[in-house]
C-alpha atoms as a PDB file:
ATOM      1  CA  UNK A   1      55.730  65.929  59.980  1.00  0.00           C
ATOM      2  CA  UNK A   2      58.480  66.192  62.572  1.00  0.00           C
ATOM      3  CA  UNK A   3      61.183  66.603  59.949  1.00  0.00           C
ATOM      4  CA  UNK A   4      59.429  69.537  58.259  1.00  0.00           C
ATOM      5  CA  UNK A   5      59.018  71.211  61.648  1.00  0.00           C
ATOM      6  CA  UNK A   6      62.660  70.584  62.482  1.00  0.00           C
ATOM      7  CA  UNK A   7      63.777  71.876  59.078  1.00  0.00           C
ATOM      8  CA  UNK A   8      61.756  75.059  59.583  1.00  0.00           C
ATOM      9  CA  UNK A   9      63.227  75.465  63.071  1.00  0.00           C
ATOM     10  CA  UNK A  10      66.747  75.075  61.719  1.00  0.00           C
ATOM     11  CA  UNK A  11      66.058  77.595  58.949  1.00  0.00           C
ATOM     12  CA  UNK A  12      64.758  80.168  61.436  1.00  0.00           C
ATOM     13  CA  UNK A  13      67.645  79.517  63.815  1.00  0.00           C
ATOM     14  CA  UNK A  14      70.219  79.760  61.023  1.00  0.00           C
ATOM     15  CA  UNK A  15      68.821  83.005  59.587  1.00  0.00           C
ATOM     16  CA  UNK A  16      68.694  84.671  63.011  1.00  0.00           C
ATOM     17  CA  UNK A  17      72.196  83.442  63.817  1.00  0.00           C
ATOM     18  CA  UNK A  18      73.660  84.564  60.507  1.00  0.00           C
ATOM     19  CA  UNK A  19      72.065  88.010  60.751  1.00  0.00           C
ATOM     20  CA  UNK A  20      73.212  88.628  64.322  1.00  0.00           C
ATOM     21  CA  UNK A  21      76.733  87.334  63.866  1.00  0.00           C
ATOM     22  CA  UNK A  22      77.018  89.293  60.624  1.00  0.00           C
ATOM     23  CA  UNK A  23      75.860  92.462  62.371  1.00  0.00           C
ATOM     24  CA  UNK A  24      78.413  91.991  65.147  1.00  0.00           C
ATOM     25  CA  UNK A  25      81.141  91.375  62.599  1.00  0.00           C
ATOM     26  CA  UNK A  26      80.521  93.922  59.871  1.00  0.00           C
ATOM     27  CA  UNK A  27      78.846  96.921  61.525  1.00  0.00           C
ATOM     28  CA  UNK A  28      81.999  98.018  63.391  1.00  0.00           C
ATOM     29  CA  UNK A  29      83.971  97.689  60.146  1.00  0.00           C
ATOM     30  CA  UNK A  30      81.510  99.690  58.044  1.00  0.00           C
ATOM     31  CA  UNK A  31      81.083 102.588  60.482  1.00  0.00           C
ATOM     32  CA  UNK A  32      84.040 104.928  60.112  1.00  0.00           C
ATOM     33  CA  UNK A  33      82.965 107.600  62.625  1.00  0.00           C
ATOM     34  CA  UNK A  34      84.426 106.653  66.014  1.00  0.00           C
ATOM     35  CA  UNK A  35      81.652 108.282  68.042  1.00  0.00           C
ATOM     36  CA  UNK A  36      78.894 106.614  66.029  1.00  0.00           C
ATOM     37  CA  UNK A  37      80.733 103.268  66.167  1.00  0.00           C
ATOM     38  CA  UNK A  38      80.947 103.525  69.949  1.00  0.00           C
ATOM     39  CA  UNK A  39      77.224 104.288  70.241  1.00  0.00           C
ATOM     40  CA  UNK A  40      76.281 101.402  67.917  1.00  0.00           C
ATOM     41  CA  UNK A  41      78.536  98.998  69.773  1.00  0.00           C
ATOM     42  CA  UNK A  42      77.089  99.912  73.180  1.00  0.00           C
ATOM     43  CA  UNK A  43      73.413 100.184  72.323  1.00  0.00           C
ATOM     44  CA  UNK A  44      73.010  97.688  69.474  1.00  0.00           C
ATOM     45  CA  UNK A  45      75.804  95.142  69.427  1.00  0.00           C
ATOM     46  CA  UNK A  46      75.973  94.419  73.149  1.00  0.00           C
ATOM     47  CA  UNK A  47      72.258  93.444  73.256  1.00  0.00           C
ATOM     48  CA  UNK A  48      72.717  91.443  70.041  1.00  0.00           C
ATOM     49  CA  UNK A  49      75.616  89.588  71.643  1.00  0.00           C
ATOM     50  CA  UNK A  50      73.480  88.841  74.700  1.00  0.00           C
ATOM     51  CA  UNK A  51      70.772  87.407  72.425  1.00  0.00           C
ATOM     52  CA  UNK A  52      73.410  85.258  70.726  1.00  0.00           C
ATOM     53  CA  UNK A  53      74.509  83.922  74.097  1.00  0.00           C
ATOM     54  CA  UNK A  54      70.981  83.490  75.476  1.00  0.00           C
ATOM     55  CA  UNK A  55      69.156  82.208  72.355  1.00  0.00           C
ATOM     56  CA  UNK A  56      71.370  81.115  69.490  1.00  0.00           C
ATOM     57  CA  UNK A  57      73.734  78.867  71.418  1.00  0.00           C
ATOM     58  CA  UNK A  58      71.144  76.903  73.479  1.00  0.00           C
ATOM     59  CA  UNK A  59      68.693  76.577  70.585  1.00  0.00           C
ATOM     60  CA  UNK A  60      71.476  75.370  68.317  1.00  0.00           C
ATOM     61  CA  UNK A  61      72.411  72.697  70.806  1.00  0.00           C
ATOM     62  CA  UNK A  62      68.768  71.619  71.103  1.00  0.00           C
ATOM     63  CA  UNK A  63      68.155  71.572  67.347  1.00  0.00           C
ATOM     64  CA  UNK A  64      71.236  69.577  66.539  1.00  0.00           C
ATOM     65  CA  UNK A  65      70.649  67.134  69.376  1.00  0.00           C
ATOM     66  CA  UNK A  66      67.144  66.529  68.009  1.00  0.00           C
ATOM     67  CA  UNK A  67      68.608  66.098  64.532  1.00  0.00           C
ATOM     68  CA  UNK A  68      71.190  63.612  65.813  1.00  0.00           C
ATOM     69  CA  UNK A  69      68.607  61.536  67.703  1.00  0.00           C
ATOM     70  CA  UNK A  70      66.211  61.161  64.774  1.00  0.00           C
ATOM     71  CA  UNK A  71      66.227  57.848  62.944  1.00  0.00           C
END
């Protein structure tokens, strides 16, 4: 039971992480208009980066520590 819960947690964590890191990486490259790129970077990518720092990093540490401590 614990392993299925942990696997689901890792899948959710990985999909959120991949989406957010992908958005931070590719959105500035895809947007060619400098004004629109600046707006997207300030109002979308800065909050996404804060979520990465506040959620993705600590949850990743917790998930992988749980995975390492399982027998």
